[in-house]
């Protein structure tokens, strides 16, 4: 992964922070990034991890914070990859649907390796 990879940050992410009572500007300042990043459609890998680190520092309990963020995220803001998984028959089908969609969305990808009924590797590929 290079720091120049472009990762999409949706407006829904920032809106979800607001729903949790967290000002997006506070997260961005804590991450030491320019405020213009809030309106940018893409961020670099370095910026992406800085945003998540700042969010983690602000909420204290990372596990609870991720659950709260996921529940605050309005379904209308979900990217098509996530919406496709809602129509899956089961978890395997959901992963396959997401992997198929991710092939259309460079620089992201999802690689799934299976052996029988056991999944032995699931990994995101960011170029």
C-alpha atoms as a PDB file:
ATOM      1  CA  UNK A   1       0.000   0.000   0.000  1.00  0.00           C
ATOM      2  CA  UNK A   2       1.325   3.388  -0.905  1.00  0.00           C
ATOM      3  CA  UNK A   3       0.412   6.654   0.714  1.00  0.00           C
ATOM      4  CA  UNK A   4      -0.769   7.820  -2.721  1.00  0.00           C
ATOM      5  CA  UNK A   5      -3.599   5.286  -3.066  1.00  0.00           C
ATOM      6  CA  UNK A   6      -6.984   6.951  -3.312  1.00  0.00           C
ATOM      7  CA  UNK A   7      -9.677   5.764  -0.925  1.00  0.00           C
ATOM      8  CA  UNK A   8     -13.245   7.008  -1.170  1.00  0.00           C
ATOM      9  CA  UNK A   9     -14.694   8.767   1.877  1.00  0.00           C
ATOM     10  CA  UNK A  10     -18.412   9.345   1.477  1.00  0.00           C
ATOM     11  CA  UNK A  11     -20.308  12.354   2.761  1.00  0.00           C
ATOM     12  CA  UNK A  12     -22.325   9.817   4.741  1.00  0.00           C
ATOM     13  CA  UNK A  13     -19.276   9.080   6.892  1.00  0.00           C
ATOM     14  CA  UNK A  14     -19.032  12.699   8.019  1.00  0.00           C
ATOM     15  CA  UNK A  15     -22.816  12.870   8.478  1.00  0.00           C
ATOM     16  CA  UNK A  16     -22.657   9.763  10.682  1.00  0.00           C
ATOM     17  CA  UNK A  17     -20.082  11.451  12.896  1.00  0.00           C
ATOM     18  CA  UNK A  18     -22.453  14.391  13.234  1.00  0.00           C
ATOM     19  CA  UNK A  19     -25.284  12.003  14.199  1.00  0.00           C
ATOM     20  CA  UNK A  20     -23.036  10.732  17.004  1.00  0.00           C
ATOM     21  CA  UNK A  21     -22.388  14.275  18.220  1.00  0.00           C
ATOM     22  CA  UNK A  22     -18.847  14.381  16.845  1.00  0.00           C
ATOM     23  CA  UNK A  23     -17.856  17.383  14.752  1.00  0.00           C
ATOM     24  CA  UNK A  24     -16.073  16.311  11.561  1.00  0.00           C
ATOM     25  CA  UNK A  25     -13.764  19.306  11.976  1.00  0.00           C
ATOM     26  CA  UNK A  26     -12.680  17.964  15.368  1.00  0.00           C
ATOM     27  CA  UNK A  27     -11.727  14.615  13.815  1.00  0.00           C
ATOM     28  CA  UNK A  28      -9.868  16.294  10.953  1.00  0.00           C
ATOM     29  CA  UNK A  29      -7.968  18.640  13.266  1.00  0.00           C
ATOM     30  CA  UNK A  30      -7.023  15.747  15.553  1.00  0.00           C
ATOM     31  CA  UNK A  31      -5.785  13.885  12.462  1.00  0.00           C
ATOM     32  CA  UNK A  32      -3.766  17.003  11.545  1.00  0.00           C
ATOM     33  CA  UNK A  33      -5.311  17.203   8.107  1.00  0.00           C
ATOM     34  CA  UNK A  34      -6.677  20.193   6.176  1.00  0.00           C
ATOM     35  CA  UNK A  35     -10.373  20.941   6.735  1.00  0.00           C
ATOM     36  CA  UNK A  36     -10.938  20.719   2.980  1.00  0.00           C
ATOM     37  CA  UNK A  37     -10.635  16.947   3.324  1.00  0.00           C
ATOM     38  CA  UNK A  38     -14.228  16.880   4.614  1.00  0.00           C
ATOM     39  CA  UNK A  39     -15.496  17.723   1.124  1.00  0.00           C
ATOM     40  CA  UNK A  40     -12.888  15.703  -0.772  1.00  0.00           C
ATOM     41  CA  UNK A  41     -14.269  12.555  -2.419  1.00  0.00           C
ATOM     42  CA  UNK A  42     -10.988  10.678  -1.988  1.00  0.00           C
ATOM     43  CA  UNK A  43      -8.154  10.607   0.539  1.00  0.00           C
ATOM     44  CA  UNK A  44      -4.734   8.991   0.527  1.00  0.00           C
ATOM     45  CA  UNK A  45      -4.043   5.852   2.524  1.00  0.00           C
ATOM     46  CA  UNK A  46      -2.094   7.892   5.064  1.00  0.00           C
ATOM     47  CA  UNK A  47      -4.965  10.357   5.451  1.00  0.00           C
ATOM     48  CA  UNK A  48      -7.499   7.516   5.707  1.00  0.00           C
ATOM     49  CA  UNK A  49      -5.671   5.894   8.606  1.00  0.00           C
ATOM     50  CA  UNK A  50      -5.125   9.289  10.258  1.00  0.00           C
ATOM     51  CA  UNK A  51      -8.895   9.894  10.182  1.00  0.00           C
ATOM     52  CA  UNK A  52      -9.637   6.505  11.753  1.00  0.00           C
ATOM     53  CA  UNK A  53      -6.905   6.969  14.365  1.00  0.00           C
ATOM     54  CA  UNK A  54      -8.337  10.381  15.288  1.00  0.00           C
ATOM     55  CA  UNK A  55     -11.858   8.932  15.528  1.00  0.00           C
ATOM     56  CA  UNK A  56     -10.529   6.112  17.697  1.00  0.00           C
ATOM     57  CA  UNK A  57      -8.769   8.578  19.996  1.00  0.00           C
ATOM     58  CA  UNK A  58     -11.907  10.692  20.347  1.00  0.00           C
ATOM     59  CA  UNK A  59     -14.298   7.851  21.190  1.00  0.00           C
ATOM     60  CA  UNK A  60     -11.987   5.916  23.566  1.00  0.00           C
ATOM     61  CA  UNK A  61     -13.710   2.520  23.074  1.00  0.00           C
ATOM     62  CA  UNK A  62     -12.966   1.547  19.466  1.00  0.00           C
ATOM     63  CA  UNK A  63     -15.264  -1.490  19.321  1.00  0.00           C
ATOM     64  CA  UNK A  64     -18.233   0.438  20.677  1.00  0.00           C
ATOM     65  CA  UNK A  65     -17.381   3.409  18.449  1.00  0.00           C
ATOM     66  CA  UNK A  66     -17.435   1.284  15.297  1.00  0.00           C
ATOM     67  CA  UNK A  67     -20.794  -0.207  16.250  1.00  0.00           C
ATOM     68  CA  UNK A  68     -22.214   3.256  16.961  1.00  0.00           C
ATOM     69  CA  UNK A  69     -20.859   4.592  13.673  1.00  0.00           C
ATOM     70  CA  UNK A  70     -22.326   1.665  11.727  1.00  0.00           C
ATOM     71  CA  UNK A  71     -25.749   2.180  13.280  1.00  0.00           C
ATOM     72  CA  UNK A  72     -25.640   5.956  12.744  1.00  0.00           C
ATOM     73  CA  UNK A  73     -24.759   5.584   9.053  1.00  0.00           C
ATOM     74  CA  UNK A  74     -27.957   6.294   7.110  1.00  0.00           C
ATOM     75  CA  UNK A  75     -28.829   3.524   4.642  1.00  0.00           C
ATOM     76  CA  UNK A  76     -29.406   6.180   1.969  1.00  0.00           C
ATOM     77  CA  UNK A  77     -25.666   6.930   2.113  1.00  0.00           C
ATOM     78  CA  UNK A  78     -24.506   3.302   1.762  1.00  0.00           C
ATOM     79  CA  UNK A  79     -22.275   2.653  -1.228  1.00  0.00           C
ATOM     80  CA  UNK A  80     -23.559   0.094  -3.782  1.00  0.00           C
ATOM     81  CA  UNK A  81     -21.119  -2.533  -2.463  1.00  0.00           C
ATOM     82  CA  UNK A  82     -22.883  -2.557   0.877  1.00  0.00           C
ATOM     83  CA  UNK A  83     -26.367  -2.426  -0.628  1.00  0.00           C
ATOM     84  CA  UNK A  84     -25.551  -5.454  -2.816  1.00  0.00           C
ATOM     85  CA  UNK A  85     -24.756  -7.501   0.278  1.00  0.00           C
ATOM     86  CA  UNK A  86     -28.228  -6.869   1.711  1.00  0.00           C
ATOM     87  CA  UNK A  87     -29.712  -8.945  -1.107  1.00  0.00           C
ATOM     88  CA  UNK A  88     -27.435 -11.917  -0.489  1.00  0.00           C
ATOM     89  CA  UNK A  89     -28.724 -15.367   0.477  1.00  0.00           C
ATOM     90  CA  UNK A  90     -26.018 -15.856   3.098  1.00  0.00           C
ATOM     91  CA  UNK A  91     -22.659 -14.547   4.314  1.00  0.00           C
ATOM     92  CA  UNK A  92     -20.721 -16.304   1.524  1.00  0.00           C
ATOM     93  CA  UNK A  93     -22.997 -14.814  -1.120  1.00  0.00           C
ATOM     94  CA  UNK A  94     -22.629 -11.369   0.483  1.00  0.00           C
ATOM     95  CA  UNK A  95     -18.830 -11.580   0.310  1.00  0.00           C
ATOM     96  CA  UNK A  96     -18.944 -12.768  -3.306  1.00  0.00           C
ATOM     97  CA  UNK A  97     -21.288  -9.942  -4.271  1.00  0.00           C
ATOM     98  CA  UNK A  98     -19.007  -7.422  -2.611  1.00  0.00           C
ATOM     99  CA  UNK A  99     -15.924  -8.912  -4.301  1.00  0.00           C
ATOM    100  CA  UNK A 100     -17.620  -8.758  -7.729  1.00  0.00           C
ATOM    101  CA  UNK A 101     -18.597  -5.134  -7.230  1.00  0.00           C
ATOM    102  CA  UNK A 102     -15.165  -4.131  -5.905  1.00  0.00           C
ATOM    103  CA  UNK A 103     -13.625  -5.298  -9.205  1.00  0.00           C
ATOM    104  CA  UNK A 104     -15.428  -2.371 -10.821  1.00  0.00           C
ATOM    105  CA  UNK A 105     -14.075   0.171  -8.332  1.00  0.00           C
ATOM    106  CA  UNK A 106     -10.315   0.626  -8.593  1.00  0.00           C
ATOM    107  CA  UNK A 107      -8.140   0.968  -6.548  1.00  0.00           C
ATOM    108  CA  UNK A 108     -10.099  -1.322  -4.241  1.00  0.00           C
ATOM    109  CA  UNK A 109     -10.563  -5.057  -4.424  1.00  0.00           C
ATOM    110  CA  UNK A 110     -11.630  -7.928  -2.240  1.00  0.00           C
ATOM    111  CA  UNK A 111      -9.869 -11.271  -2.529  1.00  0.00           C
ATOM    112  CA  UNK A 112     -11.553 -14.361  -1.090  1.00  0.00           C
ATOM    113  CA  UNK A 113      -9.896 -17.777  -0.898  1.00  0.00           C
ATOM    114  CA  UNK A 114     -11.905 -20.824   0.145  1.00  0.00           C
ATOM    115  CA  UNK A 115     -11.024 -24.404   0.987  1.00  0.00           C
ATOM    116  CA  UNK A 116     -14.182 -26.464   1.222  1.00  0.00           C
ATOM    117  CA  UNK A 117     -16.486 -24.813   3.710  1.00  0.00           C
ATOM    118  CA  UNK A 118     -13.633 -23.021   5.473  1.00  0.00           C
ATOM    119  CA  UNK A 119     -12.599 -19.531   4.413  1.00  0.00           C
ATOM    120  CA  UNK A 120      -8.905 -19.211   5.046  1.00  0.00           C
ATOM    121  CA  UNK A 121      -8.246 -15.724   3.725  1.00  0.00           C
ATOM    122  CA  UNK A 122     -10.257 -12.585   3.242  1.00  0.00           C
ATOM    123  CA  UNK A 123      -8.320  -9.451   2.489  1.00  0.00           C
ATOM    124  CA  UNK A 124      -8.796  -6.014   1.030  1.00  0.00           C
ATOM    125  CA  UNK A 125      -6.451  -5.109  -1.773  1.00  0.00           C
ATOM    126  CA  UNK A 126      -5.633  -1.434  -2.169  1.00  0.00           C
ATOM    127  CA  UNK A 127      -3.304  -0.552  -5.022  1.00  0.00           C
END
